[in-house]
Amino acid sequence: MATDAVLAGMAERHFPSAGGPAERLRFLLQWAVLAPSRHNTQPWLFEIEGDELRIHADASRALPVADPDGRQLVMSCGAAAVNLRLAAAHFGMATSTEIAPFLRRDGMLARVRLEERRATTADAEEMFQAIPRRRTNRLPLDGREPPDGLVTTLLREARREGAWLRPIEDQERGPVAELVGEGDRLQRSSPRFRAELAQWTRPNRTKARDGMPGYALGMSDAAALLHPIVVRLSNPAEDEAERDRRRARGCKALLVLSTPRDGQAEWFAAGEALQRVLLRAAAHGLSASYFAQPIETPELRRRLSDVLVESGLPQVMFRLGYGREVRPVPRRSVGEVLRLEAPDRERSEALALATPLPVVGKSPAAEQPPAP
């Protein structure tokens, strides 16, 4: 499959340099679909019309228990947009992006347009090369420190997308770890949460192209085969809470990414910022795993903001570190997520380029009511 070729490093030679914009956009989607998502749901759909690609939320892959507002779903689509833009830059094409500021009935979150030819940069190339190497590492991380200056670099990457990232300081680790543990207890005690998690849990030898195989959790084939049943029927809340409290306290880098407000545009920007951070870290050999529990629970999210004395709203918290290399999780093919591919056409309008965010070539869409 095409995504497997990307992971194997063999896709680039097939770039359609003589093809039209629509053919090129389809080719670039091979990198977009490698973005991270909660439970590896891959909740995106794409439409291509000429030189324009539209990113839609796939509501059929929503997580109504863990993510009732669709915040993480939108963030995943923002991460996919970053991969697409970096792939375009690698192949010598500039892009412009327009983010829909309102929830639309058709689920469109943003559109990306291919622009003029432009040489890539060393920074963009480093992140592009990291796309197939980026992994969520749910296994233990070792005690090595991140390289000097890397965390500062990651903070700058987040700011480029209008979000801010900060490390959780030593004196904050204890209270934050307790919130993580409390979130584990609340979620794992819920039969609805466990049923939703079991729905996206897969055996190691699965033919499904989504969800979380047991090997991503370090499980043998036999354990992974039973894991969906175990998840649904057992309540390991205390064990999960203790493990995650220990990891939150002991990891070398614990970071939280926030935005000034809560809304679809902010969630999309948070996903873009997170992906830039993850790719920059992956380029240096580091992996991330997430502490979603205190942010998925509204009361704990408020308490987390109080502990961190944050003026903004926490969108994602994660640890960074070095660990054992993990296998990539399954990915849907471009054909499964591309629901429209129209022939090349002339532009009817230009994308808006003015933006309050410190990013060249990106803007929220002109304010308008929800699409009919």
Protein backbone atom coordinates (compact mmCIF):
# COMPACT_ATOMS: atom_id res chain seq x y z
CA MET A 1 0.00 0.00 0.00
CA ALA A 2 1.09 3.61 -0.56
CA THR A 3 1.38 4.44 3.14
CA ASP A 4 3.57 1.36 3.62
CA ALA A 5 5.83 2.66 0.87
CA VAL A 6 6.18 5.97 2.75
CA LEU A 7 7.09 4.13 5.94
CA ALA A 8 9.64 2.11 4.00
CA GLY A 9 11.09 5.26 2.43
CA MET A 10 10.27 4.18 -1.14
CA ALA A 11 7.43 6.54 -2.12
CA GLU A 12 9.34 9.68 -3.07
CA ARG A 13 10.67 8.33 -6.36
CA HIS A 14 7.09 8.13 -7.70
CA PHE A 15 6.23 11.82 -7.31
CA PRO A 16 4.14 12.85 -10.37
CA SER A 17 6.34 15.78 -11.41
CA ALA A 18 4.61 15.93 -14.79
CA GLY A 19 1.12 15.56 -13.32
CA GLY A 20 -1.46 18.22 -12.55
CA PRO A 21 -2.20 19.74 -9.12
CA ALA A 22 -4.94 17.22 -8.27
CA GLU A 23 -2.62 14.28 -8.96
CA ARG A 24 0.09 15.88 -6.86
CA LEU A 25 -2.26 16.51 -3.93
CA ARG A 26 -3.39 12.89 -3.99
CA PHE A 27 0.26 11.82 -3.88
CA LEU A 28 0.98 14.14 -0.90
CA LEU A 29 -1.87 12.58 1.10
CA GLN A 30 0.38 9.57 1.70
CA TRP A 31 2.16 11.69 4.33
CA ALA A 32 -0.97 13.42 5.66
CA VAL A 33 -2.52 10.11 6.74
CA LEU A 34 0.47 9.37 9.01
CA ALA A 35 -0.70 11.99 11.54
CA PRO A 36 -1.46 10.92 15.13
CA SER A 37 -5.00 10.46 16.45
CA ARG A 38 -6.64 9.27 19.67
CA HIS A 39 -6.92 5.45 19.60
CA ASN A 40 -5.54 5.66 16.01
CA THR A 41 -9.06 6.43 14.76
CA GLN A 42 -7.71 8.45 11.78
CA PRO A 43 -10.81 10.70 11.78
CA TRP A 44 -10.25 12.58 8.53
CA LEU A 45 -11.67 12.71 5.04
CA PHE A 46 -10.30 14.66 2.07
CA GLU A 47 -11.65 16.19 -1.10
CA ILE A 48 -9.50 17.36 -4.00
CA GLU A 49 -10.68 19.81 -6.62
CA GLY A 50 -7.95 21.07 -8.89
CA ASP A 51 -5.20 22.67 -6.78
CA GLU A 52 -7.33 22.74 -3.62
CA LEU A 53 -7.61 20.08 -0.95
CA ARG A 54 -10.39 20.22 1.67
CA ILE A 55 -9.99 18.56 5.05
CA HIS A 56 -13.18 17.22 6.64
CA ALA A 57 -13.86 15.65 10.01
CA ASP A 58 -15.08 12.06 9.76
CA ALA A 59 -17.86 12.00 12.35
CA SER A 60 -18.21 8.22 12.00
CA ARG A 61 -14.83 7.94 13.76
CA ALA A 62 -15.65 10.25 16.66
CA LEU A 63 -15.16 9.18 20.27
CA PRO A 64 -18.35 10.32 22.03
CA VAL A 65 -17.16 9.19 25.47
CA ALA A 66 -13.48 10.19 25.53
CA ASP A 67 -13.86 13.18 23.19
CA PRO A 68 -17.52 14.33 23.27
CA ASP A 69 -16.80 17.80 21.86
CA GLY A 70 -14.62 16.52 19.02
CA ARG A 71 -11.62 18.50 20.26
CA GLN A 72 -9.07 15.74 19.69
CA LEU A 73 -10.70 14.80 16.38
CA VAL A 74 -10.13 18.34 15.08
CA MET A 75 -6.57 18.37 16.46
CA SER A 76 -5.80 15.19 14.52
CA CYS A 77 -6.96 16.86 11.31
CA GLY A 78 -4.72 19.84 12.10
CA ALA A 79 -1.77 17.46 12.46
CA ALA A 80 -2.60 15.91 9.07
CA ALA A 81 -2.56 19.40 7.51
CA VAL A 82 1.00 19.97 8.79
CA ASN A 83 2.17 16.70 7.24
CA LEU A 84 0.60 17.67 3.94
CA ARG A 85 2.25 21.10 3.91
CA LEU A 86 5.64 19.67 4.80
CA ALA A 87 5.33 17.08 2.04
CA ALA A 88 4.44 19.82 -0.44
CA ALA A 89 7.48 21.83 0.67
CA HIS A 90 9.73 18.79 0.24
CA PHE A 91 8.62 18.45 -3.38
CA GLY A 92 9.15 22.16 -4.03
CA MET A 93 5.65 23.59 -3.67
CA ALA A 94 4.39 26.39 -1.46
CA THR A 95 0.92 26.14 0.11
CA SER A 96 -1.68 28.41 1.66
CA THR A 97 -4.16 27.26 4.27
CA GLU A 98 -7.54 28.56 5.34
CA ILE A 99 -9.17 27.35 8.58
CA ALA A 100 -12.95 27.36 8.97
CA PRO A 101 -13.72 29.38 12.13
CA PHE A 102 -17.18 27.83 12.61
CA LEU A 103 -18.56 24.33 12.82
CA ARG A 104 -19.90 23.56 9.35
CA ARG A 105 -22.60 21.04 8.60
CA ASP A 106 -20.46 19.41 5.95
CA GLY A 107 -17.64 18.89 8.46
CA MET A 108 -15.05 20.89 6.52
CA LEU A 109 -12.33 22.13 8.83
CA ALA A 110 -9.80 23.67 6.46
CA ARG A 111 -8.62 23.85 2.90
CA VAL A 112 -5.08 23.80 1.58
CA ARG A 113 -4.08 25.11 -1.83
CA LEU A 114 -0.94 24.47 -3.82
CA GLU A 115 0.80 27.72 -4.74
CA GLU A 116 3.95 28.63 -6.68
CA ARG A 117 7.10 26.58 -6.86
CA ARG A 118 9.39 27.24 -3.93
CA ALA A 119 12.54 25.61 -2.58
CA THR A 120 12.21 23.89 0.77
CA THR A 121 14.21 24.88 3.87
CA ALA A 122 16.49 22.84 6.11
CA ASP A 123 14.02 23.09 9.00
CA ALA A 124 11.08 21.94 6.89
CA GLU A 125 13.13 19.12 5.41
CA GLU A 126 14.14 17.87 8.86
CA MET A 127 10.51 17.67 9.91
CA PHE A 128 9.41 16.06 6.64
CA GLN A 129 11.97 13.29 7.04
CA ALA A 130 10.67 12.69 10.58
CA ILE A 131 7.05 12.08 9.48
CA PRO A 132 7.41 8.30 8.96
CA ARG A 133 9.66 7.98 12.04
CA ARG A 134 7.27 9.68 14.47
CA ARG A 135 5.64 7.19 16.83
CA THR A 136 3.46 7.32 19.91
CA ASN A 137 5.47 5.25 22.40
CA ARG A 138 3.19 3.79 25.09
CA LEU A 139 6.05 1.75 26.58
CA PRO A 140 8.45 2.85 29.35
CA LEU A 141 10.94 5.56 28.39
CA ASP A 142 14.50 5.55 29.68
CA GLY A 143 16.25 8.13 31.85
CA ARG A 144 18.22 10.04 29.22
CA GLU A 145 17.74 13.79 29.11
CA PRO A 146 16.57 15.52 25.91
CA PRO A 147 19.36 17.33 24.04
CA ASP A 148 20.31 20.75 25.35
CA GLY A 149 18.15 23.46 23.86
CA LEU A 150 15.61 21.11 22.31
CA VAL A 151 12.73 22.03 24.63
CA THR A 152 13.28 25.72 23.82
CA THR A 153 13.14 24.85 20.12
CA LEU A 154 9.87 22.97 20.67
CA LEU A 155 8.36 26.00 22.42
CA ARG A 156 9.15 28.10 19.35
CA GLU A 157 7.56 25.53 17.04
CA ALA A 158 4.30 25.70 18.99
CA ARG A 159 4.26 29.49 18.86
CA ARG A 160 4.51 29.40 15.06
CA GLU A 161 1.00 27.93 15.02
CA GLY A 162 -0.50 30.32 17.57
CA ALA A 163 -0.30 27.94 20.56
CA TRP A 164 2.10 27.86 23.47
CA LEU A 165 3.96 24.98 25.01
CA ARG A 166 5.62 24.87 28.38
CA PRO A 167 7.35 22.27 30.53
CA ILE A 168 5.72 21.27 33.80
CA GLU A 169 8.15 22.25 36.53
CA ASP A 170 9.39 19.97 39.31
CA GLN A 171 7.20 21.58 41.99
CA GLU A 172 4.13 21.03 39.77
CA ARG A 173 4.81 17.38 39.02
CA GLY A 174 3.20 15.99 42.19
CA PRO A 175 -0.18 17.74 41.84
CA VAL A 176 -0.28 17.10 38.09
CA ALA A 177 0.53 13.40 38.58
CA GLU A 178 -2.35 13.14 41.07
CA LEU A 179 -4.73 14.61 38.49
CA VAL A 180 -3.51 12.05 35.95
CA GLY A 181 -4.20 9.24 38.41
CA GLU A 182 -7.62 10.63 39.30
CA GLY A 183 -8.45 10.82 35.59
CA ASP A 184 -7.46 7.16 35.17
CA ARG A 185 -9.77 6.14 38.00
CA LEU A 186 -12.71 8.11 36.62
CA GLN A 187 -12.33 6.88 33.06
CA ARG A 188 -11.47 3.25 33.72
CA SER A 189 -14.37 2.97 36.17
CA SER A 190 -16.79 3.87 33.37
CA PRO A 191 -18.19 0.89 31.42
CA ARG A 192 -18.93 3.25 28.51
CA PHE A 193 -15.31 4.43 28.36
CA ARG A 194 -14.01 0.86 28.48
CA ALA A 195 -16.45 -0.24 25.75
CA GLU A 196 -15.31 2.59 23.50
CA LEU A 197 -11.66 1.77 24.13
CA ALA A 198 -12.31 -1.93 23.41
CA GLN A 199 -13.94 -0.96 20.10
CA TRP A 200 -10.60 0.43 18.89
CA THR A 201 -8.38 -2.28 20.39
CA ARG A 202 -6.97 -4.78 17.89
CA PRO A 203 -5.13 -8.13 17.96
CA ASN A 204 -1.53 -8.09 16.75
CA ARG A 205 -2.33 -9.87 13.51
CA THR A 206 -5.30 -7.69 12.66
CA LYS A 207 -6.19 -6.91 9.06
CA ALA A 208 -7.87 -3.68 10.16
CA ARG A 209 -6.11 -0.51 9.03
CA ASP A 210 -6.96 1.48 12.15
CA GLY A 211 -7.11 1.12 15.93
CA MET A 212 -4.43 0.05 18.40
CA PRO A 213 -2.83 -3.39 18.01
CA GLY A 214 -1.64 -5.03 21.18
CA TYR A 215 2.00 -4.74 20.11
CA ALA A 216 1.71 -0.96 20.57
CA LEU A 217 1.22 -1.74 24.27
CA GLY A 218 4.01 -4.33 24.37
CA MET A 219 1.63 -7.33 24.29
CA SER A 220 2.26 -10.80 22.94
CA ASP A 221 -0.03 -12.21 20.24
CA ALA A 222 -1.99 -14.22 22.81
CA ALA A 223 -2.44 -11.30 25.20
CA ALA A 224 -3.44 -8.97 22.38
CA LEU A 225 -6.06 -11.43 21.16
CA LEU A 226 -7.79 -11.34 24.57
CA HIS A 227 -7.19 -7.66 25.22
CA PRO A 228 -10.51 -6.28 23.84
CA ILE A 229 -12.46 -8.61 26.13
CA VAL A 230 -10.26 -7.77 29.11
CA VAL A 231 -10.64 -4.03 28.48
CA ARG A 232 -14.41 -4.29 28.28
CA LEU A 233 -14.97 -6.50 31.32
CA SER A 234 -12.22 -5.61 33.82
CA ASN A 235 -11.60 -2.42 35.77
CA PRO A 236 -7.84 -1.89 36.21
CA ALA A 237 -8.33 1.70 37.39
CA GLU A 238 -5.97 1.56 40.36
CA ASP A 239 -3.19 -0.17 38.45
CA GLU A 240 -3.48 2.29 35.55
CA ALA A 241 -3.55 5.24 37.94
CA GLU A 242 -0.44 4.12 39.79
CA ARG A 243 1.49 3.44 36.59
CA ASP A 244 0.60 6.80 35.04
CA ARG A 245 1.27 8.75 38.24
CA ARG A 246 4.72 7.20 38.34
CA ARG A 247 5.37 8.02 34.69
CA ALA A 248 4.19 11.61 35.05
CA ARG A 249 6.48 12.17 38.04
CA GLY A 250 9.52 10.40 36.62
CA CYS A 251 9.70 11.35 32.94
CA LYS A 252 12.48 13.69 31.88
CA ALA A 253 10.23 16.05 29.91
CA LEU A 254 6.55 16.59 30.73
CA LEU A 255 4.91 19.30 28.63
CA VAL A 256 1.50 20.90 28.20
CA LEU A 257 0.28 22.68 25.06
CA SER A 258 -2.37 25.38 25.45
CA THR A 259 -4.36 27.85 23.35
CA PRO A 260 -5.87 31.20 24.31
CA ARG A 261 -9.44 30.02 23.67
CA ASP A 262 -11.51 26.88 23.09
CA GLY A 263 -13.06 26.50 19.66
CA GLN A 264 -12.72 24.69 16.38
CA ALA A 265 -10.07 27.03 14.96
CA GLU A 266 -8.04 26.84 18.19
CA TRP A 267 -8.26 23.05 18.27
CA PHE A 268 -7.09 22.84 14.66
CA ALA A 269 -4.18 25.18 15.44
CA ALA A 270 -3.33 23.09 18.53
CA GLY A 271 -3.11 20.00 16.32
CA GLU A 272 -0.81 21.82 13.92
CA ALA A 273 1.39 23.01 16.79
CA LEU A 274 1.50 19.56 18.39
CA GLN A 275 2.54 17.90 15.14
CA ARG A 276 5.36 20.39 14.57
CA VAL A 277 6.58 19.70 18.12
CA LEU A 278 6.34 15.92 17.71
CA LEU A 279 8.18 15.95 14.38
CA ARG A 280 10.96 18.17 15.68
CA ALA A 281 11.35 15.83 18.67
CA ALA A 282 11.26 12.73 16.43
CA ALA A 283 14.03 14.22 14.30
CA HIS A 284 16.20 14.04 17.44
CA GLY A 285 15.16 10.46 18.22
CA LEU A 286 12.56 11.21 20.92
CA SER A 287 9.08 9.71 21.21
CA ALA A 288 5.95 11.02 22.91
CA SER A 289 3.03 9.52 24.77
CA TYR A 290 0.03 11.33 26.15
CA PHE A 291 -1.69 11.96 29.45
CA ALA A 292 -5.15 12.69 28.07
CA GLN A 293 -7.05 11.83 31.25
CA PRO A 294 -7.06 15.21 33.05
CA ILE A 295 -7.85 17.11 29.85
CA GLU A 296 -10.68 14.81 28.74
CA THR A 297 -12.43 15.30 32.10
CA PRO A 298 -13.81 18.89 32.35
CA GLU A 299 -13.43 19.30 36.11
CA LEU A 300 -9.88 17.92 36.07
CA ARG A 301 -9.03 20.17 33.14
CA ARG A 302 -10.06 23.22 35.20
CA ARG A 303 -8.00 21.99 38.13
CA LEU A 304 -5.01 21.39 35.84
CA SER A 305 -5.21 25.01 34.67
CA ASP A 306 -5.27 26.11 38.32
CA VAL A 307 -2.20 24.03 39.19
CA LEU A 308 -0.29 25.39 36.21
CA VAL A 309 -1.61 28.94 36.70
CA GLU A 310 -2.41 28.92 32.98
CA SER A 311 -4.20 31.86 31.41
CA GLY A 312 -4.99 29.68 28.39
CA LEU A 313 -6.72 26.33 28.03
CA PRO A 314 -4.71 23.07 28.11
CA GLN A 315 -5.26 21.05 24.94
CA VAL A 316 -2.77 18.20 25.31
CA MET A 317 -0.23 16.99 27.86
CA PHE A 318 2.51 14.54 26.98
CA ARG A 319 5.88 13.14 28.00
CA LEU A 320 8.92 13.08 25.76
CA GLY A 321 11.86 10.76 25.98
CA TYR A 322 13.97 8.00 24.50
CA GLY A 323 12.69 4.45 24.43
CA ARG A 324 12.64 1.19 22.56
CA GLU A 325 11.73 1.57 18.90
CA VAL A 326 8.10 0.67 18.33
CA ARG A 327 6.41 -0.66 15.22
CA PRO A 328 4.11 1.66 13.27
CA VAL A 329 0.40 1.14 13.82
CA PRO A 330 -1.84 0.33 10.81
CA ARG A 331 -2.92 3.13 8.46
CA ARG A 332 -5.82 3.50 6.06
CA SER A 333 -4.91 4.01 2.43
CA VAL A 334 -5.36 7.28 0.58
CA GLY A 335 -8.19 5.68 -1.39
CA GLU A 336 -10.11 5.02 1.82
CA VAL A 337 -9.99 8.63 3.01
CA LEU A 338 -10.28 10.49 -0.32
CA ARG A 339 -13.99 10.85 -1.06
CA LEU A 340 -13.78 13.27 -3.99
CA GLU A 341 -11.14 13.84 -6.65
CA ALA A 342 -12.17 16.31 -9.35
CA PRO A 343 -10.19 17.18 -12.47
CA ASP A 344 -7.99 20.24 -12.52
CA ARG A 345 -9.90 23.50 -12.78
CA GLU A 346 -9.16 27.20 -12.77
CA ARG A 347 -9.40 28.96 -9.43
CA SER A 348 -12.64 30.81 -8.76
CA GLU A 349 -11.15 32.75 -5.85
CA ALA A 350 -7.93 33.16 -3.91
CA LEU A 351 -7.47 31.94 -0.36
CA ALA A 352 -7.32 34.65 2.29
CA LEU A 353 -3.71 35.16 3.31
CA ALA A 354 -3.92 37.83 6.03
CA THR A 355 -3.66 36.22 9.46
CA PRO A 356 -3.30 37.14 13.13
CA LEU A 357 -1.19 34.03 13.63
CA PRO A 358 2.59 34.33 13.13
CA VAL A 359 2.59 31.95 10.17
CA VAL A 360 3.08 33.03 6.56
CA GLY A 361 0.41 31.75 4.18
CA LYS A 362 -2.27 30.68 6.67
CA SER A 363 -5.45 32.31 7.89
CA PRO A 364 -8.81 31.49 9.41
CA ALA A 365 -11.50 31.59 6.75
CA ALA A 366 -13.50 34.75 6.37
CA GLU A 367 -16.11 34.83 9.11
CA GLN A 368 -19.40 33.47 7.91
CA PRO A 369 -22.36 31.54 9.31
CA PRO A 370 -22.38 27.72 9.18
CA ALA A 371 -22.64 26.34 5.68
CA PRO A 372 -26.08 25.08 4.71
